[in-house]
PDB file of N, CA and C in Angstrom:
ATOM      1  N   MET A   1     -11.161  30.603   8.997  1.00  0.00           N
ATOM      2  CA  MET A   1     -10.337  29.555   9.573  1.00  0.00           C
ATOM      3  C   MET A   1     -10.665  28.239   8.875  1.00  0.00           C
ATOM      4  N   THR A   2      -9.653  27.562   8.425  1.00  0.00           N
ATOM      5  CA  THR A   2      -9.867  26.276   7.769  1.00  0.00           C
ATOM      6  C   THR A   2      -9.752  25.150   8.783  1.00  0.00           C
ATOM      7  N   LYS A   3     -10.551  24.160   8.561  1.00  0.00           N
ATOM      8  CA  LYS A   3     -10.508  22.983   9.425  1.00  0.00           C
ATOM      9  C   LYS A   3      -9.663  21.915   8.751  1.00  0.00           C
ATOM     10  N   HIS A   4      -8.784  21.321   9.512  1.00  0.00           N
ATOM     11  CA  HIS A   4      -7.914  20.275   8.978  1.00  0.00           C
ATOM     12  C   HIS A   4      -8.543  18.919   9.230  1.00  0.00           C
ATOM     13  N   LEU A   5      -8.375  18.070   8.261  1.00  0.00           N
ATOM     14  CA  LEU A   5      -8.858  16.703   8.384  1.00  0.00           C
ATOM     15  C   LEU A   5      -7.886  15.921   9.251  1.00  0.00           C
ATOM     16  N   ARG A   6      -8.376  15.372  10.326  1.00  0.00           N
ATOM     17  CA  ARG A   6      -7.530  14.594  11.230  1.00  0.00           C
ATOM     18  C   ARG A   6      -7.903  13.123  11.076  1.00  0.00           C
ATOM     19  N   LEU A   7      -6.932  12.355  10.620  1.00  0.00           N
ATOM     20  CA  LEU A   7      -7.152  10.931  10.412  1.00  0.00           C
ATOM     21  C   LEU A   7      -6.886  10.161  11.699  1.00  0.00           C
ATOM     22  N   PRO A   8      -7.541   9.028  11.863  1.00  0.00           N
ATOM     23  CA  PRO A   8      -7.274   8.211  13.054  1.00  0.00           C
ATOM     24  C   PRO A   8      -5.826   7.722  13.071  1.00  0.00           C
ATOM     25  N   SER A   9      -5.333   7.432  14.256  1.00  0.00           N
ATOM     26  CA  SER A   9      -3.931   7.031  14.398  1.00  0.00           C
ATOM     27  C   SER A   9      -3.639   5.666  13.771  1.00  0.00           C
ATOM     28  N   TRP A  10      -4.644   4.869  13.550  1.00  0.00           N
ATOM     29  CA  TRP A  10      -4.437   3.546  12.971  1.00  0.00           C
ATOM     30  C   TRP A  10      -4.438   3.570  11.445  1.00  0.00           C
ATOM     31  N   PHE A  11      -4.758   4.700  10.842  1.00  0.00           N
ATOM     32  CA  PHE A  11      -4.947   4.764   9.393  1.00  0.00           C
ATOM     33  C   PHE A  11      -3.652   4.553   8.612  1.00  0.00           C
ATOM     34  N   LEU A  12      -2.605   5.265   8.956  1.00  0.00           N
ATOM     35  CA  LEU A  12      -1.336   5.171   8.224  1.00  0.00           C
ATOM     36  C   LEU A  12      -0.673   3.798   8.380  1.00  0.00           C
ATOM     37  N   PRO A  13      -0.603   3.238   9.586  1.00  0.00           N
ATOM     38  CA  PRO A  13      -0.034   1.879   9.685  1.00  0.00           C
ATOM     39  C   PRO A  13      -0.847   0.833   8.920  1.00  0.00           C
ATOM     40  N   THR A  14      -2.159   1.007   8.862  1.00  0.00           N
ATOM     41  CA  THR A  14      -2.992   0.077   8.105  1.00  0.00           C
ATOM     42  C   THR A  14      -2.688   0.166   6.613  1.00  0.00           C
ATOM     43  N   LEU A  15      -2.485   1.376   6.114  1.00  0.00           N
ATOM     44  CA  LEU A  15      -2.088   1.534   4.712  1.00  0.00           C
ATOM     45  C   LEU A  15      -0.749   0.880   4.429  1.00  0.00           C
ATOM     46  N   CYS A  16       0.186   1.018   5.337  1.00  0.00           N
ATOM     47  CA  CYS A  16       1.513   0.414   5.155  1.00  0.00           C
ATOM     48  C   CYS A  16       1.445  -1.105   5.148  1.00  0.00           C
ATOM     49  N   VAL A  17       0.673  -1.667   6.059  1.00  0.00           N
ATOM     50  CA  VAL A  17       0.527  -3.129   6.109  1.00  0.00           C
ATOM     51  C   VAL A  17      -0.189  -3.632   4.860  1.00  0.00           C
ATOM     52  N   GLY A  18      -1.211  -2.921   4.423  1.00  0.00           N
ATOM     53  CA  GLY A  18      -1.926  -3.322   3.208  1.00  0.00           C
ATOM     54  C   GLY A  18      -1.057  -3.256   1.975  1.00  0.00           C
ATOM     55  N   LEU A  19      -0.254  -2.214   1.869  1.00  0.00           N
ATOM     56  CA  LEU A  19       0.654  -2.091   0.737  1.00  0.00           C
ATOM     57  C   LEU A  19       1.717  -3.185   0.759  1.00  0.00           C
ATOM     58  N   SER A  20       2.227  -3.502   1.936  1.00  0.00           N
ATOM     59  CA  SER A  20       3.216  -4.580   2.056  1.00  0.00           C
ATOM     60  C   SER A  20       2.604  -5.925   1.684  1.00  0.00           C
ATOM     61  N   ALA A  21       1.384  -6.166   2.143  1.00  0.00           N
ATOM     62  CA  ALA A  21       0.717  -7.429   1.811  1.00  0.00           C
ATOM     63  C   ALA A  21       0.462  -7.533   0.309  1.00  0.00           C
ATOM     64  N   ALA A  22       0.038  -6.446  -0.320  1.00  0.00           N
ATOM     65  CA  ALA A  22      -0.207  -6.473  -1.758  1.00  0.00           C
ATOM     66  C   ALA A  22       1.084  -6.737  -2.534  1.00  0.00           C
ATOM     67  N   THR A  23       2.190  -6.186  -2.063  1.00  0.00           N
ATOM     68  CA  THR A  23       3.473  -6.420  -2.719  1.00  0.00           C
ATOM     69  C   THR A  23       3.878  -7.889  -2.614  1.00  0.00           C
ATOM     70  N   VAL A  24       3.740  -8.464  -1.436  1.00  0.00           N
ATOM     71  CA  VAL A  24       4.076  -9.884  -1.246  1.00  0.00           C
ATOM     72  C   VAL A  24       3.143 -10.763  -2.072  1.00  0.00           C
ATOM     73  N   PHE A  25       1.859 -10.429  -2.112  1.00  0.00           N
ATOM     74  CA  PHE A  25       0.912 -11.200  -2.919  1.00  0.00           C
ATOM     75  C   PHE A  25       1.299 -11.168  -4.394  1.00  0.00           C
ATOM     76  N   GLY A  26       1.795 -10.029  -4.857  1.00  0.00           N
ATOM     77  CA  GLY A  26       2.224  -9.931  -6.249  1.00  0.00           C
ATOM     78  C   GLY A  26       3.375 -10.855  -6.566  1.00  0.00           C
ATOM     79  N   PHE A  27       4.302 -11.016  -5.631  1.00  0.00           N
ATOM     80  CA  PHE A  27       5.423 -11.923  -5.862  1.00  0.00           C
ATOM     81  C   PHE A  27       5.015 -13.390  -5.738  1.00  0.00           C
ATOM     82  N   LEU A  28       3.947 -13.679  -5.034  1.00  0.00           N
ATOM     83  CA  LEU A  28       3.474 -15.060  -4.890  1.00  0.00           C
ATOM     84  C   LEU A  28       2.469 -15.445  -5.969  1.00  0.00           C
ATOM     85  N   GLY A  29       2.299 -14.603  -6.969  1.00  0.00           N
ATOM     86  CA  GLY A  29       1.302 -14.823  -8.001  1.00  0.00           C
ATOM     87  C   GLY A  29       1.513 -16.040  -8.866  1.00  0.00           C
ATOM     88  N   ARG A  30       2.706 -16.553  -8.928  1.00  0.00           N
ATOM     89  CA  ARG A  30       2.931 -17.721  -9.786  1.00  0.00           C
ATOM     90  C   ARG A  30       2.313 -18.989  -9.202  1.00  0.00           C
ATOM     91  N   TRP A  31       1.921 -18.973  -7.930  1.00  0.00           N
ATOM     92  CA  TRP A  31       1.364 -20.172  -7.309  1.00  0.00           C
ATOM     93  C   TRP A  31      -0.150 -20.159  -7.202  1.00  0.00           C
ATOM     94  N   ASN A  32      -0.775 -19.017  -7.417  1.00  0.00           N
ATOM     95  CA  ASN A  32      -2.227 -18.946  -7.293  1.00  0.00           C
ATOM     96  C   ASN A  32      -2.726 -17.840  -8.209  1.00  0.00           C
ATOM     97  N   TRP A  33      -3.818 -18.080  -8.918  1.00  0.00           N
ATOM     98  CA  TRP A  33      -4.303 -17.093  -9.877  1.00  0.00           C
ATOM     99  C   TRP A  33      -4.872 -15.858  -9.178  1.00  0.00           C
ATOM    100  N   VAL A  34      -5.413 -16.020  -7.973  1.00  0.00           N
ATOM    101  CA  VAL A  34      -5.942 -14.865  -7.245  1.00  0.00           C
ATOM    102  C   VAL A  34      -4.788 -13.939  -6.841  1.00  0.00           C
ATOM    103  N   LEU A  35      -3.686 -14.513  -6.390  1.00  0.00           N
ATOM    104  CA  LEU A  35      -2.526 -13.709  -6.034  1.00  0.00           C
ATOM    105  C   LEU A  35      -1.878 -13.090  -7.272  1.00  0.00           C
ATOM    106  N   ASP A  36      -2.046 -13.731  -8.423  1.00  0.00           N
ATOM    107  CA  ASP A  36      -1.485 -13.200  -9.659  1.00  0.00           C
ATOM    108  C   ASP A  36      -2.147 -11.881 -10.055  1.00  0.00           C
ATOM    109  N   LEU A  37      -3.345 -11.630  -9.584  1.00  0.00           N
ATOM    110  CA  LEU A  37      -4.013 -10.362  -9.873  1.00  0.00           C
ATOM    111  C   LEU A  37      -3.264  -9.177  -9.263  1.00  0.00           C
ATOM    112  N   PHE A  38      -2.508  -9.416  -8.212  1.00  0.00           N
ATOM    113  CA  PHE A  38      -1.735  -8.347  -7.574  1.00  0.00           C
ATOM    114  C   PHE A  38      -0.416  -8.061  -8.294  1.00  0.00           C
ATOM    115  N   SER A  39       0.010  -8.944  -9.184  1.00  0.00           N
ATOM    116  CA  SER A  39       1.330  -8.794  -9.798  1.00  0.00           C
ATOM    117  C   SER A  39       1.367  -7.733 -10.894  1.00  0.00           C
ATOM    118  N   HIS A  40       0.232  -7.244 -11.320  1.00  0.00           N
ATOM    119  CA  HIS A  40       0.188  -6.290 -12.420  1.00  0.00           C
ATOM    120  C   HIS A  40       0.344  -4.843 -11.971  1.00  0.00           C
ATOM    121  N   PHE A  41       0.418  -4.599 -10.679  1.00  0.00           N
ATOM    122  CA  PHE A  41       0.426  -3.232 -10.159  1.00  0.00           C
ATOM    123  C   PHE A  41       1.686  -2.906  -9.369  1.00  0.00           C
ATOM    124  N   ARG A  42       2.800  -3.542  -9.682  1.00  0.00           N
ATOM    125  CA  ARG A  42       4.022  -3.324  -8.904  1.00  0.00           C
ATOM    126  C   ARG A  42       4.528  -1.896  -9.004  1.00  0.00           C
ATOM    127  N   VAL A  43       4.352  -1.258 -10.134  1.00  0.00           N
ATOM    128  CA  VAL A  43       4.779   0.140 -10.276  1.00  0.00           C
ATOM    129  C   VAL A  43       3.909   1.037  -9.401  1.00  0.00           C
ATOM    130  N   VAL A  44       2.625   0.758  -9.350  1.00  0.00           N
ATOM    131  CA  VAL A  44       1.716   1.521  -8.489  1.00  0.00           C
ATOM    132  C   VAL A  44       2.096   1.322  -7.025  1.00  0.00           C
ATOM    133  N   TYR A  45       2.463   0.104  -6.659  1.00  0.00           N
ATOM    134  CA  TYR A  45       2.883  -0.161  -5.281  1.00  0.00           C
ATOM    135  C   TYR A  45       4.156   0.612  -4.938  1.00  0.00           C
ATOM    136  N   ALA A  46       5.065   0.700  -5.889  1.00  0.00           N
ATOM    137  CA  ALA A  46       6.310   1.433  -5.642  1.00  0.00           C
ATOM    138  C   ALA A  46       6.030   2.921  -5.440  1.00  0.00           C
ATOM    139  N   TRP A  47       5.197   3.508  -6.287  1.00  0.00           N
ATOM    140  CA  TRP A  47       4.849   4.924  -6.117  1.00  0.00           C
ATOM    141  C   TRP A  47       4.087   5.155  -4.817  1.00  0.00           C
ATOM    142  N   SER A  48       3.214   4.233  -4.474  1.00  0.00           N
ATOM    143  CA  SER A  48       2.471   4.358  -3.219  1.00  0.00           C
ATOM    144  C   SER A  48       3.410   4.285  -2.019  1.00  0.00           C
ATOM    145  N   ALA A  49       4.401   3.416  -2.091  1.00  0.00           N
ATOM    146  CA  ALA A  49       5.371   3.311  -0.997  1.00  0.00           C
ATOM    147  C   ALA A  49       6.161   4.603  -0.850  1.00  0.00           C
ATOM    148  N   LEU A  50       6.513   5.229  -1.977  1.00  0.00           N
ATOM    149  CA  LEU A  50       7.221   6.512  -1.907  1.00  0.00           C
ATOM    150  C   LEU A  50       6.351   7.600  -1.292  1.00  0.00           C
ATOM    151  N   LEU A  51       5.088   7.627  -1.659  1.00  0.00           N
ATOM    152  CA  LEU A  51       4.180   8.619  -1.077  1.00  0.00           C
ATOM    153  C   LEU A  51       3.979   8.391   0.418  1.00  0.00           C
ATOM    154  N   LEU A  52       3.847   7.139   0.820  1.00  0.00           N
ATOM    155  CA  LEU A  52       3.684   6.837   2.240  1.00  0.00           C
ATOM    156  C   LEU A  52       4.954   7.173   3.026  1.00  0.00           C
ATOM    157  N   ALA A  53       6.107   6.955   2.419  1.00  0.00           N
ATOM    158  CA  ALA A  53       7.372   7.303   3.087  1.00  0.00           C
ATOM    159  C   ALA A  53       7.444   8.813   3.292  1.00  0.00           C
ATOM    160  N   GLY A  54       7.012   9.575   2.293  1.00  0.00           N
ATOM    161  CA  GLY A  54       6.992  11.021   2.454  1.00  0.00           C
ATOM    162  C   GLY A  54       5.992  11.478   3.496  1.00  0.00           C
ATOM    163  N   TRP A  55       4.873  10.767   3.598  1.00  0.00           N
ATOM    164  CA  TRP A  55       3.856  11.106   4.601  1.00  0.00           C
ATOM    165  C   TRP A  55       4.370  10.808   6.009  1.00  0.00           C
ATOM    166  N   PHE A  56       5.149   9.733   6.123  1.00  0.00           N
ATOM    167  CA  PHE A  56       5.722   9.385   7.430  1.00  0.00           C
ATOM    168  C   PHE A  56       6.686  10.464   7.920  1.00  0.00           C
ATOM    169  N   LEU A  57       7.421  11.056   6.992  1.00  0.00           N
ATOM    170  CA  LEU A  57       8.388  12.070   7.377  1.00  0.00           C
ATOM    171  C   LEU A  57       7.657  13.343   7.693  1.00  0.00           C
TER     172      LEU A  57
END
C-alpha cells in the first residue's frame, strides 16, 4: 500500500498568491531595482500558472 502525501489546505492558495505577487513585482520592475529582479522570469511564471491551474482542476 502506498502512502499519499497530503499537503495542508493553505499550501495551494499560498502558491497562487505568491505567484501573483511575483508577476506584479515583475511588471513594477521599472521603478525599483529589487522588483526588476522578478521581471526576468515571466515565462517561468506563466508555466507555473498553467501547472497550478491544472492542479486546481
